[in-house]
Amino acid sequence: MSEILEKAKGHFKERLSAGLGSLEVPEWGTIIHFRPLNLKERDRIHRFASKDSLEALVETLIVRALDGDGKPLFKSVHRTELMREVDPEIIGRVCEEMNRAERLDFDTISGN
């Protein structure tokens, strides 16, 4: 394997080893944890976003929202319930905060 690929993989492992980010969701009485996305996960979310679908927010929640042990809080089978029975303002805020935190982490790592 190339030396550059090994360095690139090492860099991402460093980001992942920094631990889980977290945010409090008082309306749900919980703390949601999250970690940086890999490209495959971003692609999964982007497939919904490229259709100009708000379902991309729900997919973001399904892909990113973790418990304190790093286990997913939601599964794909929860998509319909999340779309129809959960406050969209809260889903939007949670996704925005997770994405903002990742951008801040990336800016810190990349020196921007």
PDB file of N, CA and C in Angstrom:
ATOM      1  N   MET A   1       0.839  -1.174   0.000  1.00  0.00           N
ATOM      2  CA  MET A   1       0.000   0.000   0.000  1.00  0.00           C
ATOM      3  C   MET A   1       0.887   1.242   0.000  1.00  0.00           C
ATOM      4  N   SER A   2       0.408   2.260  -0.636  1.00  0.00           N
ATOM      5  CA  SER A   2       1.254   3.441  -0.765  1.00  0.00           C
ATOM      6  C   SER A   2       1.438   4.159   0.568  1.00  0.00           C
ATOM      7  N   GLU A   3       2.551   4.834   0.676  1.00  0.00           N
ATOM      8  CA  GLU A   3       2.876   5.582   1.888  1.00  0.00           C
ATOM      9  C   GLU A   3       1.857   6.701   2.132  1.00  0.00           C
ATOM     10  N   ILE A   4       1.429   7.355   1.059  1.00  0.00           N
ATOM     11  CA  ILE A   4       0.461   8.448   1.195  1.00  0.00           C
ATOM     12  C   ILE A   4      -0.874   7.924   1.704  1.00  0.00           C
ATOM     13  N   LEU A   5      -1.308   6.770   1.176  1.00  0.00           N
ATOM     14  CA  LEU A   5      -2.564   6.185   1.635  1.00  0.00           C
ATOM     15  C   LEU A   5      -2.483   5.835   3.120  1.00  0.00           C
ATOM     16  N   GLU A   6      -1.381   5.308   3.545  1.00  0.00           N
ATOM     17  CA  GLU A   6      -1.209   4.983   4.968  1.00  0.00           C
ATOM     18  C   GLU A   6      -1.287   6.245   5.826  1.00  0.00           C
ATOM     19  N   LYS A   7      -0.675   7.334   5.373  1.00  0.00           N
ATOM     20  CA  LYS A   7      -0.739   8.598   6.110  1.00  0.00           C
ATOM     21  C   LYS A   7      -2.165   9.129   6.145  1.00  0.00           C
ATOM     22  N   ALA A   8      -2.870   9.016   5.016  1.00  0.00           N
ATOM     23  CA  ALA A   8      -4.261   9.488   4.951  1.00  0.00           C
ATOM     24  C   ALA A   8      -5.142   8.683   5.907  1.00  0.00           C
ATOM     25  N   LYS A   9      -4.958   7.383   5.934  1.00  0.00           N
ATOM     26  CA  LYS A   9      -5.732   6.536   6.839  1.00  0.00           C
ATOM     27  C   LYS A   9      -5.390   6.845   8.297  1.00  0.00           C
ATOM     28  N   GLY A  10      -4.122   7.090   8.562  1.00  0.00           N
ATOM     29  CA  GLY A  10      -3.691   7.433   9.912  1.00  0.00           C
ATOM     30  C   GLY A  10      -4.313   8.732  10.393  1.00  0.00           C
ATOM     31  N   HIS A  11      -4.385   9.705   9.489  1.00  0.00           N
ATOM     32  CA  HIS A  11      -4.993  10.991   9.826  1.00  0.00           C
ATOM     33  C   HIS A  11      -6.447  10.807  10.228  1.00  0.00           C
ATOM     34  N   PHE A  12      -7.204  10.007   9.470  1.00  0.00           N
ATOM     35  CA  PHE A  12      -8.614   9.801   9.785  1.00  0.00           C
ATOM     36  C   PHE A  12      -8.761   9.019  11.088  1.00  0.00           C
ATOM     37  N   LYS A  13      -7.892   8.072  11.327  1.00  0.00           N
ATOM     38  CA  LYS A  13      -7.933   7.325  12.587  1.00  0.00           C
ATOM     39  C   LYS A  13      -7.715   8.265  13.762  1.00  0.00           C
ATOM     40  N   GLU A  14      -6.844   9.261  13.599  1.00  0.00           N
ATOM     41  CA  GLU A  14      -6.622  10.256  14.654  1.00  0.00           C
ATOM     42  C   GLU A  14      -7.894  11.033  14.943  1.00  0.00           C
ATOM     43  N   ARG A  15      -8.594  11.433  13.878  1.00  0.00           N
ATOM     44  CA  ARG A  15      -9.860  12.153  14.063  1.00  0.00           C
ATOM     45  C   ARG A  15     -10.867  11.295  14.811  1.00  0.00           C
ATOM     46  N   LEU A  16     -10.938  10.015  14.434  1.00  0.00           N
ATOM     47  CA  LEU A  16     -11.893   9.114  15.084  1.00  0.00           C
ATOM     48  C   LEU A  16     -11.517   8.850  16.540  1.00  0.00           C
ATOM     49  N   SER A  17     -10.229   8.806  16.821  1.00  0.00           N
ATOM     50  CA  SER A  17      -9.779   8.501  18.180  1.00  0.00           C
ATOM     51  C   SER A  17      -9.979   9.668  19.142  1.00  0.00           C
ATOM     52  N   ALA A  18     -10.325  10.829  18.610  1.00  0.00           N
ATOM     53  CA  ALA A  18     -10.560  11.991  19.464  1.00  0.00           C
ATOM     54  C   ALA A  18     -11.806  11.811  20.325  1.00  0.00           C
ATOM     55  N   GLY A  19     -12.578  10.777  20.066  1.00  0.00           N
ATOM     56  CA  GLY A  19     -13.774  10.505  20.861  1.00  0.00           C
ATOM     57  C   GLY A  19     -15.026  11.025  20.197  1.00  0.00           C
ATOM     58  N   LEU A  20     -16.127  10.734  20.835  1.00  0.00           N
ATOM     59  CA  LEU A  20     -17.427  11.134  20.306  1.00  0.00           C
ATOM     60  C   LEU A  20     -17.739  12.575  20.676  1.00  0.00           C
ATOM     61  N   GLY A  21     -18.343  13.277  19.742  1.00  0.00           N
ATOM     62  CA  GLY A  21     -18.913  14.574  20.059  1.00  0.00           C
ATOM     63  C   GLY A  21     -20.262  14.326  20.715  1.00  0.00           C
ATOM     64  N   SER A  22     -20.821  15.329  21.344  1.00  0.00           N
ATOM     65  CA  SER A  22     -22.125  15.136  21.970  1.00  0.00           C
ATOM     66  C   SER A  22     -22.900  16.441  21.995  1.00  0.00           C
ATOM     67  N   LEU A  23     -24.216  16.295  22.063  1.00  0.00           N
ATOM     68  CA  LEU A  23     -25.082  17.453  22.216  1.00  0.00           C
ATOM     69  C   LEU A  23     -26.314  17.041  22.999  1.00  0.00           C
ATOM     70  N   GLU A  24     -26.772  17.957  23.807  1.00  0.00           N
ATOM     71  CA  GLU A  24     -27.951  17.696  24.621  1.00  0.00           C
ATOM     72  C   GLU A  24     -29.199  18.029  23.817  1.00  0.00           C
ATOM     73  N   VAL A  25     -30.190  17.156  23.928  1.00  0.00           N
ATOM     74  CA  VAL A  25     -31.490  17.383  23.297  1.00  0.00           C
ATOM     75  C   VAL A  25     -32.520  17.363  24.431  1.00  0.00           C
ATOM     76  N   PRO A  26     -32.740  18.524  25.068  1.00  0.00           N
ATOM     77  CA  PRO A  26     -33.613  18.555  26.241  1.00  0.00           C
ATOM     78  C   PRO A  26     -35.046  18.099  25.938  1.00  0.00           C
ATOM     79  N   GLU A  27     -35.522  18.379  24.735  1.00  0.00           N
ATOM     80  CA  GLU A  27     -36.888  17.983  24.371  1.00  0.00           C
ATOM     81  C   GLU A  27     -37.058  16.466  24.389  1.00  0.00           C
ATOM     82  N   TRP A  28     -35.982  15.749  24.148  1.00  0.00           N
ATOM     83  CA  TRP A  28     -36.027  14.286  24.131  1.00  0.00           C
ATOM     84  C   TRP A  28     -35.442  13.692  25.406  1.00  0.00           C
ATOM     85  N   GLY A  29     -34.979  14.551  26.311  1.00  0.00           N
ATOM     86  CA  GLY A  29     -34.415  14.091  27.572  1.00  0.00           C
ATOM     87  C   GLY A  29     -33.188  13.211  27.389  1.00  0.00           C
ATOM     88  N   THR A  30     -32.337  13.582  26.423  1.00  0.00           N
ATOM     89  CA  THR A  30     -31.180  12.734  26.140  1.00  0.00           C
ATOM     90  C   THR A  30     -29.995  13.540  25.635  1.00  0.00           C
ATOM     91  N   ILE A  31     -28.879  12.876  25.589  1.00  0.00           N
ATOM     92  CA  ILE A  31     -27.675  13.400  24.953  1.00  0.00           C
ATOM     93  C   ILE A  31     -27.394  12.502  23.764  1.00  0.00           C
ATOM     94  N   ILE A  32     -27.205  13.117  22.620  1.00  0.00           N
ATOM     95  CA  ILE A  32     -26.866  12.377  21.401  1.00  0.00           C
ATOM     96  C   ILE A  32     -25.373  12.522  21.158  1.00  0.00           C
ATOM     97  N   HIS A  33     -24.742  11.420  20.886  1.00  0.00           N
ATOM     98  CA  HIS A  33     -23.320  11.390  20.581  1.00  0.00           C
ATOM     99  C   HIS A  33     -23.147  11.166  19.086  1.00  0.00           C
ATOM    100  N   PHE A  34     -21.991  11.555  18.559  1.00  0.00           N
ATOM    101  CA  PHE A  34     -21.714  11.399  17.131  1.00  0.00           C
ATOM    102  C   PHE A  34     -20.216  11.416  16.912  1.00  0.00           C
ATOM    103  N   ARG A  35     -19.807  10.940  15.748  1.00  0.00           N
ATOM    104  CA  ARG A  35     -18.392  10.925  15.377  1.00  0.00           C
ATOM    105  C   ARG A  35     -18.277  11.444  13.950  1.00  0.00           C
ATOM    106  N   PRO A  36     -17.066  11.732  13.494  1.00  0.00           N
ATOM    107  CA  PRO A  36     -16.908  12.184  12.105  1.00  0.00           C
ATOM    108  C   PRO A  36     -17.415  11.124  11.123  1.00  0.00           C
ATOM    109  N   LEU A  37     -17.952  11.585  10.035  1.00  0.00           N
ATOM    110  CA  LEU A  37     -18.449  10.694   8.981  1.00  0.00           C
ATOM    111  C   LEU A  37     -17.320  10.274   8.057  1.00  0.00           C
ATOM    112  N   ASN A  38     -17.382   9.035   7.585  1.00  0.00           N
ATOM    113  CA  ASN A  38     -16.487   8.650   6.502  1.00  0.00           C
ATOM    114  C   ASN A  38     -17.185   8.941   5.180  1.00  0.00           C
ATOM    115  N   LEU A  39     -16.508   8.771   4.066  1.00  0.00           N
ATOM    116  CA  LEU A  39     -17.071   9.134   2.774  1.00  0.00           C
ATOM    117  C   LEU A  39     -18.276   8.272   2.404  1.00  0.00           C
ATOM    118  N   LYS A  40     -18.275   7.014   2.783  1.00  0.00           N
ATOM    119  CA  LYS A  40     -19.404   6.126   2.495  1.00  0.00           C
ATOM    120  C   LYS A  40     -20.663   6.619   3.211  1.00  0.00           C
ATOM    121  N   GLU A  41     -20.516   7.045   4.461  1.00  0.00           N
ATOM    122  CA  GLU A  41     -21.653   7.576   5.208  1.00  0.00           C
ATOM    123  C   GLU A  41     -22.137   8.894   4.612  1.00  0.00           C
ATOM    124  N   ARG A  42     -21.202   9.738   4.214  1.00  0.00           N
ATOM    125  CA  ARG A  42     -21.588  11.003   3.574  1.00  0.00           C
ATOM    126  C   ARG A  42     -22.348  10.747   2.276  1.00  0.00           C
ATOM    127  N   ASP A  43     -21.907   9.745   1.527  1.00  0.00           N
ATOM    128  CA  ASP A  43     -22.577   9.398   0.282  1.00  0.00           C
ATOM    129  C   ASP A  43     -24.004   8.935   0.550  1.00  0.00           C
ATOM    130  N   ARG A  44     -24.168   8.149   1.591  1.00  0.00           N
ATOM    131  CA  ARG A  44     -25.503   7.654   1.958  1.00  0.00           C
ATOM    132  C   ARG A  44     -26.456   8.816   2.229  1.00  0.00           C
ATOM    133  N   ILE A  45     -25.986   9.831   2.938  1.00  0.00           N
ATOM    134  CA  ILE A  45     -26.801  11.016   3.221  1.00  0.00           C
ATOM    135  C   ILE A  45     -26.998  11.844   1.960  1.00  0.00           C
ATOM    136  N   HIS A  46     -25.942  11.998   1.190  1.00  0.00           N
ATOM    137  CA  HIS A  46     -25.996  12.824  -0.010  1.00  0.00           C
ATOM    138  C   HIS A  46     -27.011  12.298  -1.027  1.00  0.00           C
ATOM    139  N   ARG A  47     -27.216  10.996  -1.070  1.00  0.00           N
ATOM    140  CA  ARG A  47     -28.204  10.424  -1.999  1.00  0.00           C
ATOM    141  C   ARG A  47     -29.587  11.000  -1.752  1.00  0.00           C
ATOM    142  N   PHE A  48     -29.903  11.273  -0.504  1.00  0.00           N
ATOM    143  CA  PHE A  48     -31.186  11.894  -0.187  1.00  0.00           C
ATOM    144  C   PHE A  48     -31.133  13.391  -0.470  1.00  0.00           C
ATOM    145  N   ALA A  49     -30.037  14.023  -0.115  1.00  0.00           N
ATOM    146  CA  ALA A  49     -29.906  15.471  -0.301  1.00  0.00           C
ATOM    147  C   ALA A  49     -29.928  15.854  -1.775  1.00  0.00           C
ATOM    148  N   SER A  50     -29.373  14.999  -2.627  1.00  0.00           N
ATOM    149  CA  SER A  50     -29.318  15.324  -4.056  1.00  0.00           C
ATOM    150  C   SER A  50     -30.705  15.313  -4.687  1.00  0.00           C
ATOM    151  N   LYS A  51     -31.687  14.752  -4.002  1.00  0.00           N
ATOM    152  CA  LYS A  51     -33.064  14.753  -4.486  1.00  0.00           C
ATOM    153  C   LYS A  51     -33.835  15.944  -3.931  1.00  0.00           C
ATOM    154  N   ASP A  52     -33.135  16.883  -3.321  1.00  0.00           N
ATOM    155  CA  ASP A  52     -33.762  18.022  -2.647  1.00  0.00           C
ATOM    156  C   ASP A  52     -34.802  17.542  -1.642  1.00  0.00           C
ATOM    157  N   SER A  53     -34.441  16.519  -0.896  1.00  0.00           N
ATOM    158  CA  SER A  53     -35.371  15.902   0.034  1.00  0.00           C
ATOM    159  C   SER A  53     -35.001  16.234   1.473  1.00  0.00           C
ATOM    160  N   LEU A  54     -35.998  16.602   2.245  1.00  0.00           N
ATOM    161  CA  LEU A  54     -35.761  16.804   3.671  1.00  0.00           C
ATOM    162  C   LEU A  54     -35.511  15.482   4.367  1.00  0.00           C
ATOM    163  N   GLU A  55     -35.752  14.407   3.657  1.00  0.00           N
ATOM    164  CA  GLU A  55     -35.457  13.092   4.204  1.00  0.00           C
ATOM    165  C   GLU A  55     -33.958  12.958   4.487  1.00  0.00           C
ATOM    166  N   ALA A  56     -33.147  13.790   3.872  1.00  0.00           N
ATOM    167  CA  ALA A  56     -31.706  13.780   4.139  1.00  0.00           C
ATOM    168  C   ALA A  56     -31.424  14.103   5.605  1.00  0.00           C
ATOM    169  N   LEU A  57     -32.265  14.940   6.221  1.00  0.00           N
ATOM    170  CA  LEU A  57     -32.093  15.232   7.646  1.00  0.00           C
ATOM    171  C   LEU A  57     -32.318  13.980   8.480  1.00  0.00           C
ATOM    172  N   VAL A  58     -33.349  13.237   8.140  1.00  0.00           N
ATOM    173  CA  VAL A  58     -33.630  11.999   8.876  1.00  0.00           C
ATOM    174  C   VAL A  58     -32.512  10.995   8.643  1.00  0.00           C
ATOM    175  N   GLU A  59     -32.021  10.918   7.413  1.00  0.00           N
ATOM    176  CA  GLU A  59     -30.916   9.998   7.142  1.00  0.00           C
ATOM    177  C   GLU A  59     -29.674  10.406   7.925  1.00  0.00           C
ATOM    178  N   THR A  60     -29.444  11.697   8.048  1.00  0.00           N
ATOM    179  CA  THR A  60     -28.327  12.187   8.858  1.00  0.00           C
ATOM    180  C   THR A  60     -28.477  11.717  10.300  1.00  0.00           C
ATOM    181  N   LEU A  61     -29.682  11.833  10.829  1.00  0.00           N
ATOM    182  CA  LEU A  61     -29.934  11.392  12.197  1.00  0.00           C
ATOM    183  C   LEU A  61     -29.719   9.885  12.337  1.00  0.00           C
ATOM    184  N   ILE A  62     -30.205   9.117  11.376  1.00  0.00           N
ATOM    185  CA  ILE A  62     -30.049   7.663  11.417  1.00  0.00           C
ATOM    186  C   ILE A  62     -28.569   7.279  11.369  1.00  0.00           C
ATOM    187  N   VAL A  63     -27.825   7.934  10.500  1.00  0.00           N
ATOM    188  CA  VAL A  63     -26.406   7.596  10.316  1.00  0.00           C
ATOM    189  C   VAL A  63     -25.549   8.088  11.482  1.00  0.00           C
ATOM    190  N   ARG A  64     -25.850   9.257  12.013  1.00  0.00           N
ATOM    191  CA  ARG A  64     -24.936   9.905  12.953  1.00  0.00           C
ATOM    192  C   ARG A  64     -25.260   9.742  14.422  1.00  0.00           C
ATOM    193  N   ALA A  65     -26.540   9.673  14.797  1.00  0.00           N
ATOM    194  CA  ALA A  65     -26.922   9.704  16.211  1.00  0.00           C
ATOM    195  C   ALA A  65     -26.543   8.401  16.914  1.00  0.00           C
ATOM    196  N   LEU A  66     -25.699   8.533  17.934  1.00  0.00           N
ATOM    197  CA  LEU A  66     -25.189   7.379  18.666  1.00  0.00           C
ATOM    198  C   LEU A  66     -25.469   7.531  20.159  1.00  0.00           C
ATOM    199  N   ASP A  67     -25.478   6.391  20.866  1.00  0.00           N
ATOM    200  CA  ASP A  67     -25.545   6.463  22.319  1.00  0.00           C
ATOM    201  C   ASP A  67     -24.131   6.645  22.856  1.00  0.00           C
ATOM    202  N   GLY A  68     -23.981   6.689  24.158  1.00  0.00           N
ATOM    203  CA  GLY A  68     -22.675   6.919  24.776  1.00  0.00           C
ATOM    204  C   GLY A  68     -21.653   5.835  24.497  1.00  0.00           C
ATOM    205  N   ASP A  69     -22.125   4.649  24.089  1.00  0.00           N
ATOM    206  CA  ASP A  69     -21.223   3.546  23.750  1.00  0.00           C
ATOM    207  C   ASP A  69     -20.897   3.506  22.264  1.00  0.00           C
ATOM    208  N   GLY A  70     -21.419   4.490  21.508  1.00  0.00           N
ATOM    209  CA  GLY A  70     -21.152   4.533  20.073  1.00  0.00           C
ATOM    210  C   GLY A  70     -22.079   3.667  19.243  1.00  0.00           C
ATOM    211  N   LYS A  71     -23.183   3.223  19.827  1.00  0.00           N
ATOM    212  CA  LYS A  71     -24.145   2.392  19.095  1.00  0.00           C
ATOM    213  C   LYS A  71     -25.248   3.288  18.529  1.00  0.00           C
ATOM    214  N   PRO A  72     -25.742   2.971  17.325  1.00  0.00           N
ATOM    215  CA  PRO A  72     -26.779   3.798  16.705  1.00  0.00           C
ATOM    216  C   PRO A  72     -28.044   3.889  17.560  1.00  0.00           C
ATOM    217  N   LEU A  73     -28.601   5.099  17.614  1.00  0.00           N
ATOM    218  CA  LEU A  73     -29.867   5.300  18.321  1.00  0.00           C
ATOM    219  C   LEU A  73     -31.059   4.947  17.442  1.00  0.00           C
ATOM    220  N   PHE A  74     -30.881   5.078  16.130  1.00  0.00           N
ATOM    221  CA  PHE A  74     -31.972   4.836  15.190  1.00  0.00           C
ATOM    222  C   PHE A  74     -31.504   3.905  14.081  1.00  0.00           C
ATOM    223  N   LYS A  75     -32.478   3.239  13.465  1.00  0.00           N
ATOM    224  CA  LYS A  75     -32.214   2.353  12.331  1.00  0.00           C
ATOM    225  C   LYS A  75     -33.055   2.817  11.152  1.00  0.00           C
ATOM    226  N   SER A  76     -32.737   2.311   9.985  1.00  0.00           N
ATOM    227  CA  SER A  76     -33.490   2.673   8.777  1.00  0.00           C
ATOM    228  C   SER A  76     -34.975   2.380   8.922  1.00  0.00           C
ATOM    229  N   VAL A  77     -35.326   1.354   9.685  1.00  0.00           N
ATOM    230  CA  VAL A  77     -36.743   1.024   9.862  1.00  0.00           C
ATOM    231  C   VAL A  77     -37.498   2.114  10.627  1.00  0.00           C
ATOM    232  N   HIS A  78     -36.784   3.025  11.274  1.00  0.00           N
ATOM    233  CA  HIS A  78     -37.411   4.129  12.000  1.00  0.00           C
ATOM    234  C   HIS A  78     -37.684   5.345  11.104  1.00  0.00           C
ATOM    235  N   ARG A  79     -37.250   5.291   9.846  1.00  0.00           N
ATOM    236  CA  ARG A  79     -37.332   6.452   8.951  1.00  0.00           C
ATOM    237  C   ARG A  79     -38.747   7.035   8.884  1.00  0.00           C
ATOM    238  N   THR A  80     -39.749   6.197   8.641  1.00  0.00           N
ATOM    239  CA  THR A  80     -41.120   6.695   8.486  1.00  0.00           C
ATOM    240  C   THR A  80     -41.611   7.361   9.760  1.00  0.00           C
ATOM    241  N   GLU A  81     -41.355   6.747  10.909  1.00  0.00           N
ATOM    242  CA  GLU A  81     -41.778   7.354  12.175  1.00  0.00           C
ATOM    243  C   GLU A  81     -41.067   8.676  12.413  1.00  0.00           C
ATOM    244  N   LEU A  82     -39.779   8.726  12.122  1.00  0.00           N
ATOM    245  CA  LEU A  82     -39.034   9.973  12.275  1.00  0.00           C
ATOM    246  C   LEU A  82     -39.577  11.048  11.330  1.00  0.00           C
ATOM    247  N   MET A  83     -39.957  10.658  10.133  1.00  0.00           N
ATOM    248  CA  MET A  83     -40.470  11.619   9.148  1.00  0.00           C
ATOM    249  C   MET A  83     -41.856  12.142   9.530  1.00  0.00           C
ATOM    250  N   ARG A  84     -42.667  11.301  10.150  1.00  0.00           N
ATOM    251  CA  ARG A  84     -44.069  11.658  10.372  1.00  0.00           C
ATOM    252  C   ARG A  84     -44.423  12.020  11.811  1.00  0.00           C
ATOM    253  N   GLU A  85     -43.663  11.515  12.771  1.00  0.00           N
ATOM    254  CA  GLU A  85     -44.115  11.619  14.152  1.00  0.00           C
ATOM    255  C   GLU A  85     -43.155  12.343  15.088  1.00  0.00           C
ATOM    256  N   VAL A  86     -42.083  12.908  14.551  1.00  0.00           N
ATOM    257  CA  VAL A  86     -41.095  13.602  15.381  1.00  0.00           C
ATOM    258  C   VAL A  86     -40.993  15.048  14.887  1.00  0.00           C
ATOM    259  N   ASP A  87     -40.850  15.961  15.821  1.00  0.00           N
ATOM    260  CA  ASP A  87     -40.784  17.393  15.513  1.00  0.00           C
ATOM    261  C   ASP A  87     -39.633  17.683  14.537  1.00  0.00           C
ATOM    262  N   PRO A  88     -39.961  18.160  13.340  1.00  0.00           N
ATOM    263  CA  PRO A  88     -38.916  18.430  12.346  1.00  0.00           C
ATOM    264  C   PRO A  88     -37.954  19.540  12.765  1.00  0.00           C
ATOM    265  N   GLU A  89     -38.406  20.452  13.611  1.00  0.00           N
ATOM    266  CA  GLU A  89     -37.522  21.523  14.089  1.00  0.00           C
ATOM    267  C   GLU A  89     -36.390  20.941  14.933  1.00  0.00           C
ATOM    268  N   ILE A  90     -36.720  19.946  15.744  1.00  0.00           N
ATOM    269  CA  ILE A  90     -35.709  19.335  16.605  1.00  0.00           C
ATOM    270  C   ILE A  90     -34.739  18.515  15.764  1.00  0.00           C
ATOM    271  N   ILE A  91     -35.277  17.743  14.831  1.00  0.00           N
ATOM    272  CA  ILE A  91     -34.408  16.958  13.939  1.00  0.00           C
ATOM    273  C   ILE A  91     -33.453  17.886  13.205  1.00  0.00           C
ATOM    274  N   GLY A  92     -33.979  18.976  12.658  1.00  0.00           N
ATOM    275  CA  GLY A  92     -33.143  19.934  11.933  1.00  0.00           C
ATOM    276  C   GLY A  92     -32.063  20.533  12.818  1.00  0.00           C
ATOM    277  N   ARG A  93     -32.440  20.913  14.042  1.00  0.00           N
ATOM    278  CA  ARG A  93     -31.459  21.507  14.955  1.00  0.00           C
ATOM    279  C   ARG A  93     -30.368  20.509  15.339  1.00  0.00           C
ATOM    280  N   VAL A  94     -30.757  19.276  15.639  1.00  0.00           N
ATOM    281  CA  VAL A  94     -29.779  18.249  16.022  1.00  0.00           C
ATOM    282  C   VAL A  94     -28.794  18.016  14.879  1.00  0.00           C
ATOM    283  N   CYS A  95     -29.318  17.868  13.657  1.00  0.00           N
ATOM    284  CA  CYS A  95     -28.444  17.633  12.503  1.00  0.00           C
ATOM    285  C   CYS A  95     -27.528  18.817  12.250  1.00  0.00           C
ATOM    286  N   GLU A  96     -28.066  20.016  12.377  1.00  0.00           N
ATOM    287  CA  GLU A  96     -27.255  21.223  12.182  1.00  0.00           C
ATOM    288  C   GLU A  96     -26.126  21.295  13.210  1.00  0.00           C
ATOM    289  N   GLU A  97     -26.429  20.988  14.460  1.00  0.00           N
ATOM    290  CA  GLU A  97     -25.405  21.043  15.505  1.00  0.00           C
ATOM    291  C   GLU A  97     -24.331  19.978  15.299  1.00  0.00           C
ATOM    292  N   MET A  98     -24.737  18.771  14.891  1.00  0.00           N
ATOM    293  CA  MET A  98     -23.745  17.723  14.629  1.00  0.00           C
ATOM    294  C   MET A  98     -22.837  18.141  13.473  1.00  0.00           C
ATOM    295  N   ASN A  99     -23.439  18.663  12.413  1.00  0.00           N
ATOM    296  CA  ASN A  99     -22.648  19.069  11.248  1.00  0.00           C
ATOM    297  C   ASN A  99     -21.754  20.264  11.560  1.00  0.00           C
ATOM    298  N   ARG A 100     -22.249  21.211  12.342  1.00  0.00           N
ATOM    299  CA  ARG A 100     -21.445  22.375  12.723  1.00  0.00           C
ATOM    300  C   ARG A 100     -20.249  21.936  13.568  1.00  0.00           C
ATOM    301  N   ALA A 101     -20.479  21.041  14.502  1.00  0.00           N
ATOM    302  CA  ALA A 101     -19.393  20.551  15.356  1.00  0.00           C
ATOM    303  C   ALA A 101     -18.328  19.855  14.526  1.00  0.00           C
ATOM    304  N   GLU A 102     -18.741  19.097  13.527  1.00  0.00           N
ATOM    305  CA  GLU A 102     -17.754  18.415  12.679  1.00  0.00           C
ATOM    306  C   GLU A 102     -16.962  19.431  11.863  1.00  0.00           C
ATOM    307  N   ARG A 103     -17.620  20.464  11.353  1.00  0.00           N
ATOM    308  CA  ARG A 103     -16.895  21.493  10.599  1.00  0.00           C
ATOM    309  C   ARG A 103     -15.878  22.183  11.489  1.00  0.00           C
ATOM    310  N   LEU A 104     -16.261  22.478  12.739  1.00  0.00           N
ATOM    311  CA  LEU A 104     -15.328  23.115  13.657  1.00  0.00           C
ATOM    312  C   LEU A 104     -14.144  22.203  13.931  1.00  0.00           C
ATOM    313  N   ASP A 105     -14.419  20.919  14.147  1.00  0.00           N
ATOM    314  CA  ASP A 105     -13.327  19.953  14.372  1.00  0.00           C
ATOM    315  C   ASP A 105     -12.411  19.904  13.169  1.00  0.00           C
ATOM    316  N   PHE A 106     -12.976  19.876  11.969  1.00  0.00           N
ATOM    317  CA  PHE A 106     -12.171  19.805  10.755  1.00  0.00           C
ATOM    318  C   PHE A 106     -11.344  21.068  10.595  1.00  0.00           C
ATOM    319  N   ASP A 107     -11.950  22.219  10.864  1.00  0.00           N
ATOM    320  CA  ASP A 107     -11.201  23.482  10.752  1.00  0.00           C
ATOM    321  C   ASP A 107     -10.033  23.494  11.728  1.00  0.00           C
ATOM    322  N   THR A 108     -10.234  22.986  12.923  1.00  0.00           N
ATOM    323  CA  THR A 108      -9.162  22.950  13.921  1.00  0.00           C
ATOM    324  C   THR A 108      -8.038  22.032  13.444  1.00  0.00           C
ATOM    325  N   ILE A 109      -8.403  20.862  12.941  1.00  0.00           N
ATOM    326  CA  ILE A 109      -7.399  19.893  12.476  1.00  0.00           C
ATOM    327  C   ILE A 109      -6.648  20.422  11.267  1.00  0.00           C
ATOM    328  N   SER A 110      -7.392  21.058  10.333  1.00  0.00           N
ATOM    329  CA  SER A 110      -6.750  21.493   9.088  1.00  0.00           C
ATOM    330  C   SER A 110      -6.064  22.851   9.239  1.00  0.00           C
ATOM    331  N   GLY A 111      -6.223  23.491  10.402  1.00  0.00           N
ATOM    332  CA  GLY A 111      -5.536  24.765  10.655  1.00  0.00           C
ATOM    333  C   GLY A 111      -6.240  25.960  10.038  1.00  0.00           C
ATOM    334  N   ASN A 112      -7.502  25.829   9.673  1.00  0.00           N
ATOM    335  CA  ASN A 112      -8.267  26.952   9.089  1.00  0.00           C
ATOM    336  C   ASN A 112      -8.933  27.787  10.162  1.00  0.00           C
TER     337      ASN A 112
END
